[in-house]
Amino acid sequence: MAEKRQHQRVRCDSKCLLYYEQTKYCGVISNISLSGAAVRLYGLQIGALQAGDTCSLILCADPEVCFCKYTGRITRSSSAEIGLEFIELHA
């Protein structure tokens, strides 16, 4: 199977927050690239997030400290992890 990724991924184990509609999910970034990330989320219900849904990702566990927020589109979702494509960076 051919690799579709445009950017190299970097393994990561950093805490993050994901906002989807009115819900905040705590998680850990498994890996990240210039164009997206794979994120393990805690308390995620199966089917809560679907491919194509838009959400926001903060690259730390404290939104008062972190000033970078990414808007992203979910590319895949399972009970263990989501794939996220970055659409826009808000500094």
PDB file of N, CA and C in Angstrom:
ATOM      1  N   MET A   1       0.847  -1.183   0.000  1.00  0.00           N
ATOM      2  CA  MET A   1       0.000   0.000   0.000  1.00  0.00           C
ATOM      3  C   MET A   1       0.891   1.244   0.000  1.00  0.00           C
ATOM      4  N   ALA A   2       0.640   2.162  -0.868  1.00  0.00           N
ATOM      5  CA  ALA A   2       1.463   3.365  -1.007  1.00  0.00           C
ATOM      6  C   ALA A   2       1.187   4.342   0.135  1.00  0.00           C
ATOM      7  N   GLU A   3       2.233   5.016   0.569  1.00  0.00           N
ATOM      8  CA  GLU A   3       2.134   6.018   1.624  1.00  0.00           C
ATOM      9  C   GLU A   3       1.485   7.282   1.061  1.00  0.00           C
ATOM     10  N   LYS A   4       0.428   7.792   1.715  1.00  0.00           N
ATOM     11  CA  LYS A   4      -0.293   8.967   1.245  1.00  0.00           C
ATOM     12  C   LYS A   4       0.147  10.241   1.948  1.00  0.00           C
ATOM     13  N   ARG A   5       0.903  10.123   3.014  1.00  0.00           N
ATOM     14  CA  ARG A   5       1.262  11.299   3.807  1.00  0.00           C
ATOM     15  C   ARG A   5       2.258  12.191   3.069  1.00  0.00           C
ATOM     16  N   GLN A   6       2.035  13.506   3.191  1.00  0.00           N
ATOM     17  CA  GLN A   6       2.912  14.479   2.559  1.00  0.00           C
ATOM     18  C   GLN A   6       4.063  14.878   3.471  1.00  0.00           C
ATOM     19  N   HIS A   7       3.862  14.780   4.786  1.00  0.00           N
ATOM     20  CA  HIS A   7       4.865  15.234   5.751  1.00  0.00           C
ATOM     21  C   HIS A   7       5.251  14.102   6.696  1.00  0.00           C
ATOM     22  N   GLN A   8       6.498  14.118   7.113  1.00  0.00           N
ATOM     23  CA  GLN A   8       7.000  13.111   8.044  1.00  0.00           C
ATOM     24  C   GLN A   8       6.356  13.292   9.415  1.00  0.00           C
ATOM     25  N   ARG A   9       5.994  12.195  10.041  1.00  0.00           N
ATOM     26  CA  ARG A   9       5.411  12.236  11.378  1.00  0.00           C
ATOM     27  C   ARG A   9       6.498  12.108  12.423  1.00  0.00           C
ATOM     28  N   VAL A  10       6.270  12.774  13.551  1.00  0.00           N
ATOM     29  CA  VAL A  10       7.190  12.717  14.683  1.00  0.00           C
ATOM     30  C   VAL A  10       6.437  12.110  15.851  1.00  0.00           C
ATOM     31  N   ARG A  11       7.016  11.064  16.447  1.00  0.00           N
ATOM     32  CA  ARG A  11       6.383  10.466  17.619  1.00  0.00           C
ATOM     33  C   ARG A  11       6.346  11.488  18.741  1.00  0.00           C
ATOM     34  N   CYS A  12       5.286  11.452  19.484  1.00  0.00           N
ATOM     35  CA  CYS A  12       5.052  12.461  20.505  1.00  0.00           C
ATOM     36  C   CYS A  12       4.280  11.790  21.637  1.00  0.00           C
ATOM     37  N   ASP A  13       4.353  12.313  22.805  1.00  0.00           N
ATOM     38  CA  ASP A  13       3.565  11.796  23.924  1.00  0.00           C
ATOM     39  C   ASP A  13       3.161  12.982  24.786  1.00  0.00           C
ATOM     40  N   SER A  14       2.634  14.017  24.134  1.00  0.00           N
ATOM     41  CA  SER A  14       2.287  15.261  24.817  1.00  0.00           C
ATOM     42  C   SER A  14       0.790  15.345  25.067  1.00  0.00           C
ATOM     43  N   LYS A  15       0.434  15.909  26.207  1.00  0.00           N
ATOM     44  CA  LYS A  15      -0.973  16.100  26.542  1.00  0.00           C
ATOM     45  C   LYS A  15      -1.588  17.161  25.641  1.00  0.00           C
ATOM     46  N   CYS A  16      -2.895  17.026  25.418  1.00  0.00           N
ATOM     47  CA  CYS A  16      -3.607  17.978  24.581  1.00  0.00           C
ATOM     48  C   CYS A  16      -5.065  18.054  25.018  1.00  0.00           C
ATOM     49  N   LEU A  17      -5.752  19.046  24.486  1.00  0.00           N
ATOM     50  CA  LEU A  17      -7.194  19.197  24.665  1.00  0.00           C
ATOM     51  C   LEU A  17      -7.831  19.283  23.294  1.00  0.00           C
ATOM     52  N   LEU A  18      -8.932  18.590  23.121  1.00  0.00           N
ATOM     53  CA  LEU A  18      -9.674  18.652  21.883  1.00  0.00           C
ATOM     54  C   LEU A  18     -11.089  19.127  22.204  1.00  0.00           C
ATOM     55  N   TYR A  19     -11.540  20.133  21.473  1.00  0.00           N
ATOM     56  CA  TYR A  19     -12.886  20.675  21.653  1.00  0.00           C
ATOM     57  C   TYR A  19     -13.715  20.300  20.440  1.00  0.00           C
ATOM     58  N   TYR A  20     -14.850  19.666  20.714  1.00  0.00           N
ATOM     59  CA  TYR A  20     -15.778  19.289  19.650  1.00  0.00           C
ATOM     60  C   TYR A  20     -17.180  19.662  20.119  1.00  0.00           C
ATOM     61  N   GLU A  21     -17.826  20.537  19.360  1.00  0.00           N
ATOM     62  CA  GLU A  21     -19.126  21.089  19.735  1.00  0.00           C
ATOM     63  C   GLU A  21     -19.021  21.649  21.155  1.00  0.00           C
ATOM     64  N   GLN A  22     -19.761  21.172  22.098  1.00  0.00           N
ATOM     65  CA  GLN A  22     -19.716  21.716  23.468  1.00  0.00           C
ATOM     66  C   GLN A  22     -18.932  20.827  24.418  1.00  0.00           C
ATOM     67  N   THR A  23     -18.149  19.877  23.891  1.00  0.00           N
ATOM     68  CA  THR A  23     -17.447  18.907  24.731  1.00  0.00           C
ATOM     69  C   THR A  23     -15.939  19.093  24.636  1.00  0.00           C
ATOM     70  N   LYS A  24     -15.277  18.984  25.799  1.00  0.00           N
ATOM     71  CA  LYS A  24     -13.813  19.042  25.866  1.00  0.00           C
ATOM     72  C   LYS A  24     -13.310  17.642  26.191  1.00  0.00           C
ATOM     73  N   TYR A  25     -12.359  17.169  25.394  1.00  0.00           N
ATOM     74  CA  TYR A  25     -11.740  15.866  25.607  1.00  0.00           C
ATOM     75  C   TYR A  25     -10.270  16.064  25.955  1.00  0.00           C
ATOM     76  N   CYS A  26      -9.803  15.381  26.987  1.00  0.00           N
ATOM     77  CA  CYS A  26      -8.374  15.350  27.308  1.00  0.00           C
ATOM     78  C   CYS A  26      -7.761  14.195  26.534  1.00  0.00           C
ATOM     79  N   GLY A  27      -6.521  14.379  26.116  1.00  0.00           N
ATOM     80  CA  GLY A  27      -5.883  13.319  25.356  1.00  0.00           C
ATOM     81  C   GLY A  27      -4.383  13.440  25.309  1.00  0.00           C
ATOM     82  N   VAL A  28      -3.794  12.587  24.492  1.00  0.00           N
ATOM     83  CA  VAL A  28      -2.349  12.554  24.277  1.00  0.00           C
ATOM     84  C   VAL A  28      -2.103  12.472  22.780  1.00  0.00           C
ATOM     85  N   ILE A  29      -1.208  13.302  22.292  1.00  0.00           N
ATOM     86  CA  ILE A  29      -0.832  13.277  20.879  1.00  0.00           C
ATOM     87  C   ILE A  29       0.135  12.112  20.677  1.00  0.00           C
ATOM     88  N   SER A  30      -0.242  11.155  19.846  1.00  0.00           N
ATOM     89  CA  SER A  30       0.606   9.992  19.560  1.00  0.00           C
ATOM     90  C   SER A  30       1.732  10.364  18.611  1.00  0.00           C
ATOM     91  N   ASN A  31       1.363  11.090  17.550  1.00  0.00           N
ATOM     92  CA  ASN A  31       2.353  11.593  16.607  1.00  0.00           C
ATOM     93  C   ASN A  31       1.779  12.822  15.925  1.00  0.00           C
ATOM     94  N   ILE A  32       2.696  13.623  15.374  1.00  0.00           N
ATOM     95  CA  ILE A  32       2.287  14.898  14.786  1.00  0.00           C
ATOM     96  C   ILE A  32       3.156  15.188  13.570  1.00  0.00           C
ATOM     97  N   SER A  33       2.594  15.917  12.621  1.00  0.00           N
ATOM     98  CA  SER A  33       3.336  16.371  11.440  1.00  0.00           C
ATOM     99  C   SER A  33       2.893  17.796  11.138  1.00  0.00           C
ATOM    100  N   LEU A  34       3.407  18.361  10.074  1.00  0.00           N
ATOM    101  CA  LEU A  34       3.002  19.709   9.687  1.00  0.00           C
ATOM    102  C   LEU A  34       1.542  19.781   9.277  1.00  0.00           C
ATOM    103  N   SER A  35       0.978  18.661   8.852  1.00  0.00           N
ATOM    104  CA  SER A  35      -0.382  18.684   8.335  1.00  0.00           C
ATOM    105  C   SER A  35      -1.429  18.010   9.217  1.00  0.00           C
ATOM    106  N   GLY A  36      -1.006  17.369  10.320  1.00  0.00           N
ATOM    107  CA  GLY A  36      -1.999  16.711  11.155  1.00  0.00           C
ATOM    108  C   GLY A  36      -1.404  15.973  12.328  1.00  0.00           C
ATOM    109  N   ALA A  37      -2.266  15.234  13.022  1.00  0.00           N
ATOM    110  CA  ALA A  37      -1.839  14.516  14.217  1.00  0.00           C
ATOM    111  C   ALA A  37      -2.728  13.301  14.441  1.00  0.00           C
ATOM    112  N   ALA A  38      -2.173  12.336  15.184  1.00  0.00           N
ATOM    113  CA  ALA A  38      -2.951  11.208  15.690  1.00  0.00           C
ATOM    114  C   ALA A  38      -3.081  11.442  17.190  1.00  0.00           C
ATOM    115  N   VAL A  39      -4.306  11.356  17.710  1.00  0.00           N
ATOM    116  CA  VAL A  39      -4.574  11.717  19.103  1.00  0.00           C
ATOM    117  C   VAL A  39      -5.371  10.619  19.795  1.00  0.00           C
ATOM    118  N   ARG A  40      -4.882  10.195  20.965  1.00  0.00           N
ATOM    119  CA  ARG A  40      -5.640   9.286  21.827  1.00  0.00           C
ATOM    120  C   ARG A  40      -6.457  10.141  22.784  1.00  0.00           C
ATOM    121  N   LEU A  41      -7.753   9.952  22.814  1.00  0.00           N
ATOM    122  CA  LEU A  41      -8.641  10.754  23.660  1.00  0.00           C
ATOM    123  C   LEU A  41      -9.218   9.913  24.789  1.00  0.00           C
ATOM    124  N   TYR A  42      -9.325  10.502  25.975  1.00  0.00           N
ATOM    125  CA  TYR A  42      -9.902   9.829  27.130  1.00  0.00           C
ATOM    126  C   TYR A  42     -11.396  10.134  27.198  1.00  0.00           C
ATOM    127  N   GLY A  43     -12.185   9.138  27.499  1.00  0.00           N
ATOM    128  CA  GLY A  43     -13.620   9.332  27.649  1.00  0.00           C
ATOM    129  C   GLY A  43     -14.366   9.470  26.344  1.00  0.00           C
ATOM    130  N   LEU A  44     -13.746   9.087  25.249  1.00  0.00           N
ATOM    131  CA  LEU A  44     -14.382   9.194  23.938  1.00  0.00           C
ATOM    132  C   LEU A  44     -15.372   8.054  23.754  1.00  0.00           C
ATOM    133  N   GLN A  45     -16.598   8.401  23.451  1.00  0.00           N
ATOM    134  CA  GLN A  45     -17.629   7.403  23.159  1.00  0.00           C
ATOM    135  C   GLN A  45     -17.526   7.015  21.689  1.00  0.00           C
ATOM    136  N   ILE A  46     -17.653   5.739  21.404  1.00  0.00           N
ATOM    137  CA  ILE A  46     -17.603   5.268  20.020  1.00  0.00           C
ATOM    138  C   ILE A  46     -18.693   5.971  19.219  1.00  0.00           C
ATOM    139  N   GLY A  47     -18.317   6.549  18.106  1.00  0.00           N
ATOM    140  CA  GLY A  47     -19.262   7.235  17.238  1.00  0.00           C
ATOM    141  C   GLY A  47     -19.469   8.699  17.581  1.00  0.00           C
ATOM    142  N   ALA A  48     -18.843   9.181  18.669  1.00  0.00           N
ATOM    143  CA  ALA A  48     -19.010  10.586  19.060  1.00  0.00           C
ATOM    144  C   ALA A  48     -18.387  11.525  18.033  1.00  0.00           C
ATOM    145  N   LEU A  49     -17.273  11.132  17.464  1.00  0.00           N
ATOM    146  CA  LEU A  49     -16.582  11.924  16.449  1.00  0.00           C
ATOM    147  C   LEU A  49     -16.549  11.122  15.155  1.00  0.00           C
ATOM    148  N   GLN A  50     -16.896  11.760  14.074  1.00  0.00           N
ATOM    149  CA  GLN A  50     -16.947  11.091  12.779  1.00  0.00           C
ATOM    150  C   GLN A  50     -15.981  11.752  11.799  1.00  0.00           C
ATOM    151  N   ALA A  51     -15.497  10.979  10.849  1.00  0.00           N
ATOM    152  CA  ALA A  51     -14.658  11.537   9.787  1.00  0.00           C
ATOM    153  C   ALA A  51     -15.413  12.668   9.101  1.00  0.00           C
ATOM    154  N   GLY A  52     -14.704  13.780   8.907  1.00  0.00           N
ATOM    155  CA  GLY A  52     -15.306  14.960   8.294  1.00  0.00           C
ATOM    156  C   GLY A  52     -15.722  16.020   9.299  1.00  0.00           C
ATOM    157  N   ASP A  53     -15.894  15.641  10.580  1.00  0.00           N
ATOM    158  CA  ASP A  53     -16.249  16.607  11.616  1.00  0.00           C
ATOM    159  C   ASP A  53     -15.097  17.581  11.855  1.00  0.00           C
ATOM    160  N   THR A  54     -15.425  18.808  12.207  1.00  0.00           N
ATOM    161  CA  THR A  54     -14.435  19.839  12.512  1.00  0.00           C
ATOM    162  C   THR A  54     -14.338  20.015  14.025  1.00  0.00           C
ATOM    163  N   CYS A  55     -13.117  20.236  14.509  1.00  0.00           N
ATOM    164  CA  CYS A  55     -12.886  20.416  15.938  1.00  0.00           C
ATOM    165  C   CYS A  55     -11.690  21.347  16.132  1.00  0.00           C
ATOM    166  N   SER A  56     -11.356  21.623  17.396  1.00  0.00           N
ATOM    167  CA  SER A  56     -10.195  22.449  17.735  1.00  0.00           C
ATOM    168  C   SER A  56      -9.264  21.644  18.627  1.00  0.00           C
ATOM    169  N   LEU A  57      -7.961  21.807  18.428  1.00  0.00           N
ATOM    170  CA  LEU A  57      -6.948  21.092  19.200  1.00  0.00           C
ATOM    171  C   LEU A  57      -5.986  22.087  19.818  1.00  0.00           C
ATOM    172  N   ILE A  58      -5.786  21.971  21.128  1.00  0.00           N
ATOM    173  CA  ILE A  58      -4.788  22.765  21.843  1.00  0.00           C
ATOM    174  C   ILE A  58      -3.666  21.817  22.239  1.00  0.00           C
ATOM    175  N   LEU A  59      -2.429  22.182  21.938  1.00  0.00           N
ATOM    176  CA  LEU A  59      -1.298  21.283  22.099  1.00  0.00           C
ATOM    177  C   LEU A  59      -0.720  21.258  23.510  1.00  0.00           C
ATOM    178  N   CYS A  60      -1.553  21.367  24.512  1.00  0.00           N
ATOM    179  CA  CYS A  60      -1.149  21.162  25.901  1.00  0.00           C
ATOM    180  C   CYS A  60      -2.410  20.933  26.717  1.00  0.00           C
ATOM    181  N   ALA A  61      -2.245  20.637  28.002  1.00  0.00           N
ATOM    182  CA  ALA A  61      -3.395  20.304  28.845  1.00  0.00           C
ATOM    183  C   ALA A  61      -4.000  21.522  29.538  1.00  0.00           C
ATOM    184  N   ASP A  62      -3.384  22.703  29.376  1.00  0.00           N
ATOM    185  CA  ASP A  62      -3.872  23.901  30.062  1.00  0.00           C
ATOM    186  C   ASP A  62      -4.073  25.032  29.063  1.00  0.00           C
ATOM    187  N   PRO A  63      -5.322  25.323  28.702  1.00  0.00           N
ATOM    188  CA  PRO A  63      -5.564  26.372  27.697  1.00  0.00           C
ATOM    189  C   PRO A  63      -5.182  27.764  28.169  1.00  0.00           C
ATOM    190  N   GLU A  64      -4.973  27.966  29.460  1.00  0.00           N
ATOM    191  CA  GLU A  64      -4.539  29.261  29.979  1.00  0.00           C
ATOM    192  C   GLU A  64      -3.058  29.512  29.677  1.00  0.00           C
ATOM    193  N   VAL A  65      -2.298  28.455  29.483  1.00  0.00           N
ATOM    194  CA  VAL A  65      -0.858  28.563  29.236  1.00  0.00           C
ATOM    195  C   VAL A  65      -0.539  28.517  27.742  1.00  0.00           C
ATOM    196  N   CYS A  66      -1.278  27.733  27.001  1.00  0.00           N
ATOM    197  CA  CYS A  66      -1.018  27.539  25.569  1.00  0.00           C
ATOM    198  C   CYS A  66      -1.834  28.518  24.737  1.00  0.00           C
ATOM    199  N   PHE A  67      -1.187  29.096  23.770  1.00  0.00           N
ATOM    200  CA  PHE A  67      -1.844  30.099  22.952  1.00  0.00           C
ATOM    201  C   PHE A  67      -2.066  29.646  21.518  1.00  0.00           C
ATOM    202  N   CYS A  68      -1.574  28.472  21.171  1.00  0.00           N
ATOM    203  CA  CYS A  68      -1.779  27.946  19.819  1.00  0.00           C
ATOM    204  C   CYS A  68      -2.959  26.995  19.809  1.00  0.00           C
ATOM    205  N   LYS A  69      -3.873  27.251  18.903  1.00  0.00           N
ATOM    206  CA  LYS A  69      -5.032  26.376  18.744  1.00  0.00           C
ATOM    207  C   LYS A  69      -5.176  26.072  17.263  1.00  0.00           C
ATOM    208  N   TYR A  70      -5.302  24.810  16.954  1.00  0.00           N
ATOM    209  CA  TYR A  70      -5.482  24.368  15.579  1.00  0.00           C
ATOM    210  C   TYR A  70      -6.944  24.014  15.345  1.00  0.00           C
ATOM    211  N   THR A  71      -7.469  24.441  14.225  1.00  0.00           N
ATOM    212  CA  THR A  71      -8.751  23.938  13.758  1.00  0.00           C
ATOM    213  C   THR A  71      -8.419  22.757  12.870  1.00  0.00           C
ATOM    214  N   GLY A  72      -9.151  21.666  13.053  1.00  0.00           N
ATOM    215  CA  GLY A  72      -8.849  20.469  12.287  1.00  0.00           C
ATOM    216  C   GLY A  72     -10.085  19.741  11.817  1.00  0.00           C
ATOM    217  N   ARG A  73      -9.856  18.854  10.889  1.00  0.00           N
ATOM    218  CA  ARG A  73     -10.909  17.987  10.357  1.00  0.00           C
ATOM    219  C   ARG A  73     -10.530  16.555  10.706  1.00  0.00           C
ATOM    220  N   ILE A  74     -11.468  15.827  11.261  1.00  0.00           N
ATOM    221  CA  ILE A  74     -11.221  14.438  11.630  1.00  0.00           C
ATOM    222  C   ILE A  74     -11.189  13.601  10.357  1.00  0.00           C
ATOM    223  N   THR A  75     -10.104  12.845  10.204  1.00  0.00           N
ATOM    224  CA  THR A  75      -9.942  12.002   9.018  1.00  0.00           C
ATOM    225  C   THR A  75     -10.290  10.547   9.308  1.00  0.00           C
ATOM    226  N   ARG A  76     -10.159  10.144  10.566  1.00  0.00           N
ATOM    227  CA  ARG A  76     -10.532   8.787  10.976  1.00  0.00           C
ATOM    228  C   ARG A  76     -10.808   8.794  12.466  1.00  0.00           C
ATOM    229  N   SER A  77     -11.614   7.840  12.909  1.00  0.00           N
ATOM    230  CA  SER A  77     -11.980   7.769  14.319  1.00  0.00           C
ATOM    231  C   SER A  77     -12.210   6.320  14.710  1.00  0.00           C
ATOM    232  N   SER A  78     -11.634   5.930  15.845  1.00  0.00           N
ATOM    233  CA  SER A  78     -11.878   4.608  16.408  1.00  0.00           C
ATOM    234  C   SER A  78     -12.059   4.790  17.912  1.00  0.00           C
ATOM    235  N   SER A  79     -12.274   3.722  18.622  1.00  0.00           N
ATOM    236  CA  SER A  79     -12.430   3.835  20.069  1.00  0.00           C
ATOM    237  C   SER A  79     -11.119   4.201  20.746  1.00  0.00           C
ATOM    238  N   ALA A  80      -9.997   4.000  20.067  1.00  0.00           N
ATOM    239  CA  ALA A  80      -8.695   4.246  20.673  1.00  0.00           C
ATOM    240  C   ALA A  80      -8.037   5.560  20.248  1.00  0.00           C
ATOM    241  N   GLU A  81      -8.323   6.029  19.026  1.00  0.00           N
ATOM    242  CA  GLU A  81      -7.551   7.149  18.499  1.00  0.00           C
ATOM    243  C   GLU A  81      -8.290   7.820  17.348  1.00  0.00           C
ATOM    244  N   ILE A  82      -8.002   9.112  17.152  1.00  0.00           N
ATOM    245  CA  ILE A  82      -8.513   9.811  15.977  1.00  0.00           C
ATOM    246  C   ILE A  82      -7.347  10.318  15.141  1.00  0.00           C
ATOM    247  N   GLY A  83      -7.581  10.470  13.861  1.00  0.00           N
ATOM    248  CA  GLY A  83      -6.651  11.128  12.969  1.00  0.00           C
ATOM    249  C   GLY A  83      -7.206  12.509  12.679  1.00  0.00           C
ATOM    250  N   LEU A  84      -6.346  13.509  12.689  1.00  0.00           N
ATOM    251  CA  LEU A  84      -6.777  14.885  12.537  1.00  0.00           C
ATOM    252  C   LEU A  84      -5.929  15.588  11.495  1.00  0.00           C
ATOM    253  N   GLU A  85      -6.572  16.230  10.537  1.00  0.00           N
ATOM    254  CA  GLU A  85      -5.898  17.036   9.524  1.00  0.00           C
ATOM    255  C   GLU A  85      -6.015  18.497   9.924  1.00  0.00           C
ATOM    256  N   PHE A  86      -4.898  19.202  10.028  1.00  0.00           N
ATOM    257  CA  PHE A  86      -4.942  20.612  10.394  1.00  0.00           C
ATOM    258  C   PHE A  86      -5.482  21.443   9.241  1.00  0.00           C
ATOM    259  N   ILE A  87      -6.402  22.352   9.560  1.00  0.00           N
ATOM    260  CA  ILE A  87      -6.984  23.248   8.574  1.00  0.00           C
ATOM    261  C   ILE A  87      -6.458  24.661   8.758  1.00  0.00           C
ATOM    262  N   GLU A  88      -6.345  25.080  10.030  1.00  0.00           N
ATOM    263  CA  GLU A  88      -5.964  26.459  10.321  1.00  0.00           C
ATOM    264  C   GLU A  88      -5.310  26.542  11.691  1.00  0.00           C
ATOM    265  N   LEU A  89      -4.331  27.438  11.832  1.00  0.00           N
ATOM    266  CA  LEU A  89      -3.666  27.713  13.107  1.00  0.00           C
ATOM    267  C   LEU A  89      -4.113  29.065  13.623  1.00  0.00           C
ATOM    268  N   HIS A  90      -4.532  29.114  14.883  1.00  0.00           N
ATOM    269  CA  HIS A  90      -4.897  30.357  15.535  1.00  0.00           C
ATOM    270  C   HIS A  90      -3.877  30.625  16.629  1.00  0.00           C
ATOM    271  N   ALA A  91      -3.145  31.702  16.520  1.00  0.00           N
ATOM    272  CA  ALA A  91      -2.138  32.012  17.524  1.00  0.00           C
ATOM    273  C   ALA A  91      -2.660  33.033  18.515  1.00  0.00           C
TER     274      ALA A  91
END
